[in-house]
Structures are given as C-alpha cells and as structure tokens.
Amino acid sequence: MPSKTVIVASAVGLHARPATLISQAAAAFDDDIELSVEGGDAVDAASTLMIMTLGAAKGTVVTVTSDNADAVELIAGMIETDLDA
C-alpha cells in the first residue's frame, strides 16, 4: 500500500481550515485515504473532525496511506504546504 511521510507546514498545524481543505480533496477519491502521526491511530482523511483529532501542529510528522498513489501524493503535498498562506 503506497504511503508517504511528510511534515506539517501550516503555521498553526492541521486545524479547521487546512483540515477542511484536505478532507474535501480526499473525499473526491473513491479510495480510502488515512493519515497518522507516530504513536497514534490512523484516521480517515475525508473527515475534517478526524484530521483535527490528530493534534498535528506545525512540524509534526504525518504519514499518508492509501491504495491510490495519486491520492497519497496529492494529500501529502497539501500537508507539506502552508494552507493558511
């Protein structure tokens, strides 16, 4: 299963705005996409609330996993972009 590990770039982490943008992008795929932080359970990337439960602040390492490599690349790219800019 393809996965990619990236670092959260948004200044205040994966709070409401970045989580919403990521979940909307993830929901556009038919495949399941999961996000996880070290030591934590994987969450559904298509859920804004579940993304926010990760508690991922700027600089947090997040792993994106899915059967769809394109989805992994898109979501990982969003996480490593400052979505608050």
PDB file of N, CA and C in Angstrom:
ATOM      1  N   MET A   1       0.858  -1.181   0.000  1.00  0.00           N
ATOM      2  CA  MET A   1       0.000   0.000   0.000  1.00  0.00           C
ATOM      3  C   MET A   1       0.900   1.239   0.000  1.00  0.00           C
ATOM      4  N   PRO A   2       0.732   2.133  -0.971  1.00  0.00           N
ATOM      5  CA  PRO A   2       1.559   3.338  -1.027  1.00  0.00           C
ATOM      6  C   PRO A   2       1.367   4.229   0.200  1.00  0.00           C
ATOM      7  N   SER A   3       2.466   4.810   0.652  1.00  0.00           N
ATOM      8  CA  SER A   3       2.394   5.772   1.748  1.00  0.00           C
ATOM      9  C   SER A   3       3.517   6.785   1.572  1.00  0.00           C
ATOM     10  N   LYS A   4       3.347   7.915   2.221  1.00  0.00           N
ATOM     11  CA  LYS A   4       4.360   8.967   2.171  1.00  0.00           C
ATOM     12  C   LYS A   4       4.339   9.685   3.505  1.00  0.00           C
ATOM     13  N   THR A   5       5.513   9.957   4.036  1.00  0.00           N
ATOM     14  CA  THR A   5       5.636  10.667   5.295  1.00  0.00           C
ATOM     15  C   THR A   5       6.081  12.093   5.004  1.00  0.00           C
ATOM     16  N   VAL A   6       5.346  13.060   5.578  1.00  0.00           N
ATOM     17  CA  VAL A   6       5.618  14.478   5.334  1.00  0.00           C
ATOM     18  C   VAL A   6       5.548  15.248   6.649  1.00  0.00           C
ATOM     19  N   ILE A   7       5.965  16.495   6.601  1.00  0.00           N
ATOM     20  CA  ILE A   7       5.943  17.371   7.779  1.00  0.00           C
ATOM     21  C   ILE A   7       4.896  18.454   7.565  1.00  0.00           C
ATOM     22  N   VAL A   8       4.058  18.669   8.587  1.00  0.00           N
ATOM     23  CA  VAL A   8       3.001  19.687   8.525  1.00  0.00           C
ATOM     24  C   VAL A   8       3.640  21.070   8.382  1.00  0.00           C
ATOM     25  N   ALA A   9       3.218  21.803   7.353  1.00  0.00           N
ATOM     26  CA  ALA A   9       3.783  23.124   7.076  1.00  0.00           C
ATOM     27  C   ALA A   9       2.898  24.269   7.555  1.00  0.00           C
ATOM     28  N   SER A  10       1.596  24.049   7.710  1.00  0.00           N
ATOM     29  CA  SER A  10       0.704  25.144   8.102  1.00  0.00           C
ATOM     30  C   SER A  10       1.119  25.695   9.461  1.00  0.00           C
ATOM     31  N   ALA A  11       1.167  27.003   9.555  1.00  0.00           N
ATOM     32  CA  ALA A  11       1.677  27.686  10.738  1.00  0.00           C
ATOM     33  C   ALA A  11       1.018  27.250  12.038  1.00  0.00           C
ATOM     34  N   VAL A  12      -0.255  26.963  12.007  1.00  0.00           N
ATOM     35  CA  VAL A  12      -0.947  26.545  13.227  1.00  0.00           C
ATOM     36  C   VAL A  12      -1.372  25.077  13.161  1.00  0.00           C
ATOM     37  N   GLY A  13      -0.725  24.321  12.276  1.00  0.00           N
ATOM     38  CA  GLY A  13      -0.996  22.889  12.204  1.00  0.00           C
ATOM     39  C   GLY A  13      -2.261  22.570  11.424  1.00  0.00           C
ATOM     40  N   LEU A  14      -2.728  21.340  11.593  1.00  0.00           N
ATOM     41  CA  LEU A  14      -3.915  20.883  10.867  1.00  0.00           C
ATOM     42  C   LEU A  14      -5.180  21.202  11.656  1.00  0.00           C
ATOM     43  N   HIS A  15      -5.452  22.497  11.783  1.00  0.00           N
ATOM     44  CA  HIS A  15      -6.676  22.947  12.450  1.00  0.00           C
ATOM     45  C   HIS A  15      -7.803  23.011  11.417  1.00  0.00           C
ATOM     46  N   ALA A  16      -8.861  23.719  11.696  1.00  0.00           N
ATOM     47  CA  ALA A  16     -10.087  23.679  10.894  1.00  0.00           C
ATOM     48  C   ALA A  16      -9.893  23.968   9.399  1.00  0.00           C
ATOM     49  N   ARG A  17      -9.237  25.048   9.044  1.00  0.00           N
ATOM     50  CA  ARG A  17      -9.142  25.400   7.617  1.00  0.00           C
ATOM     51  C   ARG A  17      -8.322  24.377   6.831  1.00  0.00           C
ATOM     52  N   PRO A  18      -7.077  24.076   7.237  1.00  0.00           N
ATOM     53  CA  PRO A  18      -6.331  23.070   6.483  1.00  0.00           C
ATOM     54  C   PRO A  18      -7.012  21.698   6.503  1.00  0.00           C
ATOM     55  N   ALA A  19      -7.581  21.322   7.633  1.00  0.00           N
ATOM     56  CA  ALA A  19      -8.256  20.019   7.726  1.00  0.00           C
ATOM     57  C   ALA A  19      -9.438  19.956   6.769  1.00  0.00           C
ATOM     58  N   THR A  20     -10.163  21.041   6.628  1.00  0.00           N
ATOM     59  CA  THR A  20     -11.301  21.075   5.709  1.00  0.00           C
ATOM     60  C   THR A  20     -10.836  20.944   4.264  1.00  0.00           C
ATOM     61  N   LEU A  21      -9.798  21.681   3.891  1.00  0.00           N
ATOM     62  CA  LEU A  21      -9.283  21.602   2.525  1.00  0.00           C
ATOM     63  C   LEU A  21      -8.780  20.191   2.205  1.00  0.00           C
ATOM     64  N   ILE A  22      -8.085  19.586   3.160  1.00  0.00           N
ATOM     65  CA  ILE A  22      -7.564  18.229   2.955  1.00  0.00           C
ATOM     66  C   ILE A  22      -8.707  17.226   2.859  1.00  0.00           C
ATOM     67  N   SER A  23      -9.686  17.339   3.746  1.00  0.00           N
ATOM     68  CA  SER A  23     -10.797  16.373   3.730  1.00  0.00           C
ATOM     69  C   SER A  23     -11.620  16.492   2.450  1.00  0.00           C
ATOM     70  N   GLN A  24     -11.796  17.703   1.944  1.00  0.00           N
ATOM     71  CA  GLN A  24     -12.525  17.877   0.685  1.00  0.00           C
ATOM     72  C   GLN A  24     -11.768  17.232  -0.479  1.00  0.00           C
ATOM     73  N   ALA A  25     -10.458  17.386  -0.500  1.00  0.00           N
ATOM     74  CA  ALA A  25      -9.648  16.766  -1.556  1.00  0.00           C
ATOM     75  C   ALA A  25      -9.690  15.246  -1.437  1.00  0.00           C
ATOM     76  N   ALA A  26      -9.613  14.733  -0.221  1.00  0.00           N
ATOM     77  CA  ALA A  26      -9.636  13.280  -0.001  1.00  0.00           C
ATOM     78  C   ALA A  26     -10.990  12.688  -0.385  1.00  0.00           C
ATOM     79  N   ALA A  27     -12.060  13.414  -0.128  1.00  0.00           N
ATOM     80  CA  ALA A  27     -13.409  12.921  -0.425  1.00  0.00           C
ATOM     81  C   ALA A  27     -13.647  12.785  -1.936  1.00  0.00           C
ATOM     82  N   ALA A  28     -12.849  13.465  -2.734  1.00  0.00           N
ATOM     83  CA  ALA A  28     -13.006  13.392  -4.183  1.00  0.00           C
ATOM     84  C   ALA A  28     -12.520  12.050  -4.751  1.00  0.00           C
ATOM     85  N   PHE A  29     -11.788  11.300  -3.950  1.00  0.00           N
ATOM     86  CA  PHE A  29     -11.291   9.987  -4.384  1.00  0.00           C
ATOM     87  C   PHE A  29     -12.232   8.900  -3.899  1.00  0.00           C
ATOM     88  N   ASP A  30     -12.351   7.829  -4.680  1.00  0.00           N
ATOM     89  CA  ASP A  30     -13.158   6.682  -4.274  1.00  0.00           C
ATOM     90  C   ASP A  30     -12.412   5.784  -3.291  1.00  0.00           C
ATOM     91  N   ASP A  31     -11.112   5.975  -3.187  1.00  0.00           N
ATOM     92  CA  ASP A  31     -10.279   5.145  -2.324  1.00  0.00           C
ATOM     93  C   ASP A  31     -10.232   5.685  -0.896  1.00  0.00           C
ATOM     94  N   ASP A  32     -10.021   4.792   0.059  1.00  0.00           N
ATOM     95  CA  ASP A  32      -9.800   5.217   1.439  1.00  0.00           C
ATOM     96  C   ASP A  32      -8.411   5.830   1.528  1.00  0.00           C
ATOM     97  N   ILE A  33      -8.319   6.928   2.260  1.00  0.00           N
ATOM     98  CA  ILE A  33      -7.044   7.603   2.493  1.00  0.00           C
ATOM     99  C   ILE A  33      -6.949   7.810   3.997  1.00  0.00           C
ATOM    100  N   GLU A  34      -5.833   7.404   4.572  1.00  0.00           N
ATOM    101  CA  GLU A  34      -5.660   7.532   6.018  1.00  0.00           C
ATOM    102  C   GLU A  34      -4.454   8.392   6.345  1.00  0.00           C
ATOM    103  N   LEU A  35      -4.578   9.111   7.461  1.00  0.00           N
ATOM    104  CA  LEU A  35      -3.487   9.922   7.992  1.00  0.00           C
ATOM    105  C   LEU A  35      -3.150   9.394   9.374  1.00  0.00           C
ATOM    106  N   SER A  36      -1.874   9.428   9.711  1.00  0.00           N
ATOM    107  CA  SER A  36      -1.480   9.022  11.061  1.00  0.00           C
ATOM    108  C   SER A  36      -0.245   9.795  11.497  1.00  0.00           C
ATOM    109  N   VAL A  37      -0.130   9.941  12.809  1.00  0.00           N
ATOM    110  CA  VAL A  37       1.072  10.504  13.413  1.00  0.00           C
ATOM    111  C   VAL A  37       1.713   9.389  14.224  1.00  0.00           C
ATOM    112  N   GLU A  38       3.003   9.514  14.471  1.00  0.00           N
ATOM    113  CA  GLU A  38       3.716   8.464  15.195  1.00  0.00           C
ATOM    114  C   GLU A  38       3.064   8.194  16.547  1.00  0.00           C
ATOM    115  N   GLY A  39       2.786   6.935  16.793  1.00  0.00           N
ATOM    116  CA  GLY A  39       2.186   6.535  18.062  1.00  0.00           C
ATOM    117  C   GLY A  39       0.680   6.691  18.110  1.00  0.00           C
ATOM    118  N   GLY A  40       0.075   7.147  17.023  1.00  0.00           N
ATOM    119  CA  GLY A  40      -1.373   7.364  17.005  1.00  0.00           C
ATOM    120  C   GLY A  40      -2.064   6.447  16.023  1.00  0.00           C
ATOM    121  N   ASP A  41      -3.369   6.356  16.168  1.00  0.00           N
ATOM    122  CA  ASP A  41      -4.180   5.561  15.254  1.00  0.00           C
ATOM    123  C   ASP A  41      -4.380   6.321  13.944  1.00  0.00           C
ATOM    124  N   ALA A  42      -4.565   5.592  12.881  1.00  0.00           N
ATOM    125  CA  ALA A  42      -4.858   6.196  11.583  1.00  0.00           C
ATOM    126  C   ALA A  42      -6.275   6.746  11.584  1.00  0.00           C
ATOM    127  N   VAL A  43      -6.465   7.874  10.901  1.00  0.00           N
ATOM    128  CA  VAL A  43      -7.791   8.483  10.790  1.00  0.00           C
ATOM    129  C   VAL A  43      -8.152   8.664   9.323  1.00  0.00           C
ATOM    130  N   ASP A  44      -9.428   8.793   9.054  1.00  0.00           N
ATOM    131  CA  ASP A  44      -9.957   8.988   7.708  1.00  0.00           C
ATOM    132  C   ASP A  44      -9.647  10.408   7.230  1.00  0.00           C
ATOM    133  N   ALA A  45      -8.903  10.512   6.138  1.00  0.00           N
ATOM    134  CA  ALA A  45      -8.530  11.825   5.611  1.00  0.00           C
ATOM    135  C   ALA A  45      -9.715  12.579   5.016  1.00  0.00           C
ATOM    136  N   ALA A  46     -10.838  11.906   4.800  1.00  0.00           N
ATOM    137  CA  ALA A  46     -12.024  12.572   4.263  1.00  0.00           C
ATOM    138  C   ALA A  46     -12.881  13.184   5.364  1.00  0.00           C
ATOM    139  N   SER A  47     -12.420  13.143   6.610  1.00  0.00           N
ATOM    140  CA  SER A  47     -13.170  13.692   7.743  1.00  0.00           C
ATOM    141  C   SER A  47     -12.394  14.833   8.395  1.00  0.00           C
ATOM    142  N   THR A  48     -12.936  16.036   8.303  1.00  0.00           N
ATOM    143  CA  THR A  48     -12.301  17.201   8.921  1.00  0.00           C
ATOM    144  C   THR A  48     -12.091  16.968  10.413  1.00  0.00           C
ATOM    145  N   LEU A  49     -13.111  16.486  11.093  1.00  0.00           N
ATOM    146  CA  LEU A  49     -13.011  16.285  12.540  1.00  0.00           C
ATOM    147  C   LEU A  49     -11.961  15.252  12.904  1.00  0.00           C
ATOM    148  N   MET A  50     -11.882  14.168  12.132  1.00  0.00           N
ATOM    149  CA  MET A  50     -10.884  13.139  12.425  1.00  0.00           C
ATOM    150  C   MET A  50      -9.469  13.670  12.205  1.00  0.00           C
ATOM    151  N   ILE A  51      -9.284  14.483  11.179  1.00  0.00           N
ATOM    152  CA  ILE A  51      -7.958  15.089  10.946  1.00  0.00           C
ATOM    153  C   ILE A  51      -7.574  15.956  12.134  1.00  0.00           C
ATOM    154  N   MET A  52      -8.527  16.729  12.633  1.00  0.00           N
ATOM    155  CA  MET A  52      -8.239  17.614  13.765  1.00  0.00           C
ATOM    156  C   MET A  52      -7.889  16.832  15.030  1.00  0.00           C
ATOM    157  N   THR A  53      -8.405  15.596  15.164  1.00  0.00           N
ATOM    158  CA  THR A  53      -8.087  14.806  16.356  1.00  0.00           C
ATOM    159  C   THR A  53      -6.637  14.337  16.377  1.00  0.00           C
ATOM    160  N   LEU A  54      -5.939  14.433  15.243  1.00  0.00           N
ATOM    161  CA  LEU A  54      -4.525  14.066  15.222  1.00  0.00           C
ATOM    162  C   LEU A  54      -3.689  14.992  16.103  1.00  0.00           C
ATOM    163  N   GLY A  55      -4.155  16.227  16.271  1.00  0.00           N
ATOM    164  CA  GLY A  55      -3.398  17.195  17.059  1.00  0.00           C
ATOM    165  C   GLY A  55      -2.073  17.555  16.396  1.00  0.00           C
ATOM    166  N   ALA A  56      -2.054  17.540  15.073  1.00  0.00           N
ATOM    167  CA  ALA A  56      -0.819  17.764  14.329  1.00  0.00           C
ATOM    168  C   ALA A  56      -0.491  19.252  14.221  1.00  0.00           C
ATOM    169  N   ALA A  57       0.523  19.677  14.954  1.00  0.00           N
ATOM    170  CA  ALA A  57       0.982  21.059  14.927  1.00  0.00           C
ATOM    171  C   ALA A  57       2.010  21.222  13.810  1.00  0.00           C
ATOM    172  N   LYS A  58       2.399  22.461  13.558  1.00  0.00           N
ATOM    173  CA  LYS A  58       3.445  22.710  12.553  1.00  0.00           C
ATOM    174  C   LYS A  58       4.680  21.891  12.943  1.00  0.00           C
ATOM    175  N   GLY A  59       5.258  21.195  11.960  1.00  0.00           N
ATOM    176  CA  GLY A  59       6.444  20.401  12.211  1.00  0.00           C
ATOM    177  C   GLY A  59       6.167  18.951  12.573  1.00  0.00           C
ATOM    178  N   THR A  60       4.895  18.607  12.800  1.00  0.00           N
ATOM    179  CA  THR A  60       4.535  17.227  13.114  1.00  0.00           C
ATOM    180  C   THR A  60       4.716  16.349  11.883  1.00  0.00           C
ATOM    181  N   VAL A  61       5.222  15.146  12.092  1.00  0.00           N
ATOM    182  CA  VAL A  61       5.395  14.184  11.007  1.00  0.00           C
ATOM    183  C   VAL A  61       4.091  13.415  10.843  1.00  0.00           C
ATOM    184  N   VAL A  62       3.548  13.427   9.617  1.00  0.00           N
ATOM    185  CA  VAL A  62       2.288  12.756   9.301  1.00  0.00           C
ATOM    186  C   VAL A  62       2.527  11.778   8.152  1.00  0.00           C
ATOM    187  N   THR A  63       1.949  10.583   8.278  1.00  0.00           N
ATOM    188  CA  THR A  63       2.041   9.591   7.213  1.00  0.00           C
ATOM    189  C   THR A  63       0.692   9.481   6.518  1.00  0.00           C
ATOM    190  N   VAL A  64       0.715   9.569   5.196  1.00  0.00           N
ATOM    191  CA  VAL A  64      -0.479   9.446   4.356  1.00  0.00           C
ATOM    192  C   VAL A  64      -0.425   8.067   3.694  1.00  0.00           C
ATOM    193  N   THR A  65      -1.538   7.313   3.793  1.00  0.00           N
ATOM    194  CA  THR A  65      -1.580   5.958   3.253  1.00  0.00           C
ATOM    195  C   THR A  65      -2.869   5.743   2.471  1.00  0.00           C
ATOM    196  N   SER A  66      -2.757   5.082   1.319  1.00  0.00           N
ATOM    197  CA  SER A  66      -3.917   4.749   0.502  1.00  0.00           C
ATOM    198  C   SER A  66      -3.493   3.730  -0.550  1.00  0.00           C
ATOM    199  N   ASP A  67      -4.453   3.018  -1.112  1.00  0.00           N
ATOM    200  CA  ASP A  67      -4.168   2.142  -2.239  1.00  0.00           C
ATOM    201  C   ASP A  67      -3.933   2.948  -3.512  1.00  0.00           C
ATOM    202  N   ASN A  68      -4.338   4.210  -3.506  1.00  0.00           N
ATOM    203  CA  ASN A  68      -4.224   5.083  -4.668  1.00  0.00           C
ATOM    204  C   ASN A  68      -2.991   5.989  -4.508  1.00  0.00           C
ATOM    205  N   ALA A  69      -1.943   5.729  -5.270  1.00  0.00           N
ATOM    206  CA  ALA A  69      -0.702   6.503  -5.169  1.00  0.00           C
ATOM    207  C   ALA A  69      -0.919   7.979  -5.503  1.00  0.00           C
ATOM    208  N   ASP A  70      -1.827   8.276  -6.433  1.00  0.00           N
ATOM    209  CA  ASP A  70      -2.110   9.674  -6.777  1.00  0.00           C
ATOM    210  C   ASP A  70      -2.734  10.405  -5.596  1.00  0.00           C
ATOM    211  N   ALA A  71      -3.615   9.727  -4.880  1.00  0.00           N
ATOM    212  CA  ALA A  71      -4.241  10.324  -3.698  1.00  0.00           C
ATOM    213  C   ALA A  71      -3.194  10.598  -2.624  1.00  0.00           C
ATOM    214  N   VAL A  72      -2.291   9.657  -2.437  1.00  0.00           N
ATOM    215  CA  VAL A  72      -1.219   9.839  -1.449  1.00  0.00           C
ATOM    216  C   VAL A  72      -0.402  11.074  -1.799  1.00  0.00           C
ATOM    217  N   GLU A  73      -0.008  11.210  -3.044  1.00  0.00           N
ATOM    218  CA  GLU A  73       0.810  12.351  -3.472  1.00  0.00           C
ATOM    219  C   GLU A  73       0.075  13.677  -3.292  1.00  0.00           C
ATOM    220  N   LEU A  74      -1.208  13.713  -3.674  1.00  0.00           N
ATOM    221  CA  LEU A  74      -1.975  14.956  -3.551  1.00  0.00           C
ATOM    222  C   LEU A  74      -2.123  15.374  -2.092  1.00  0.00           C
ATOM    223  N   ILE A  75      -2.580  14.456  -1.254  1.00  0.00           N
ATOM    224  CA  ILE A  75      -2.821  14.793   0.150  1.00  0.00           C
ATOM    225  C   ILE A  75      -1.501  15.116   0.863  1.00  0.00           C
ATOM    226  N   ALA A  76      -0.467  14.338   0.599  1.00  0.00           N
ATOM    227  CA  ALA A  76       0.848  14.619   1.204  1.00  0.00           C
ATOM    228  C   ALA A  76       1.331  16.013   0.796  1.00  0.00           C
ATOM    229  N   GLY A  77       1.145  16.351  -0.467  1.00  0.00           N
ATOM    230  CA  GLY A  77       1.544  17.672  -0.946  1.00  0.00           C
ATOM    231  C   GLY A  77       0.791  18.794  -0.245  1.00  0.00           C
ATOM    232  N   MET A  78      -0.469  18.561   0.024  1.00  0.00           N
ATOM    233  CA  MET A  78      -1.267  19.573   0.730  1.00  0.00           C
ATOM    234  C   MET A  78      -0.762  19.747   2.161  1.00  0.00           C
ATOM    235  N   ILE A  79      -0.437  18.643   2.823  1.00  0.00           N
ATOM    236  CA  ILE A  79       0.027  18.724   4.211  1.00  0.00           C
ATOM    237  C   ILE A  79       1.347  19.468   4.305  1.00  0.00           C
ATOM    238  N   GLU A  80       2.223  19.282   3.328  1.00  0.00           N
ATOM    239  CA  GLU A  80       3.515  19.947   3.393  1.00  0.00           C
ATOM    240  C   GLU A  80       3.501  21.338   2.756  1.00  0.00           C
ATOM    241  N   THR A  81       2.294  21.884   2.544  1.00  0.00           N
ATOM    242  CA  THR A  81       2.102  23.246   2.051  1.00  0.00           C
ATOM    243  C   THR A  81       1.427  24.055   3.149  1.00  0.00           C
ATOM    244  N   ASP A  82       1.811  25.319   3.319  1.00  0.00           N
ATOM    245  CA  ASP A  82       1.147  26.163   4.312  1.00  0.00           C
ATOM    246  C   ASP A  82      -0.213  26.566   3.757  1.00  0.00           C
ATOM    247  N   LEU A  83      -1.251  25.840   4.164  1.00  0.00           N
ATOM    248  CA  LEU A  83      -2.605  26.089   3.654  1.00  0.00           C
ATOM    249  C   LEU A  83      -3.258  27.318   4.276  1.00  0.00           C
ATOM    250  N   ASP A  84      -2.565  27.965   5.195  1.00  0.00           N
ATOM    251  CA  ASP A  84      -3.074  29.205   5.790  1.00  0.00           C
ATOM    252  C   ASP A  84      -2.518  30.431   5.088  1.00  0.00           C
ATOM    253  N   ALA A  85      -1.580  30.229   4.171  1.00  0.00           N
ATOM    254  CA  ALA A  85      -0.919  31.358   3.500  1.00  0.00           C
ATOM    255  C   ALA A  85      -1.841  31.999   2.482  1.00  0.00           C
TER     256      ALA A  85
END
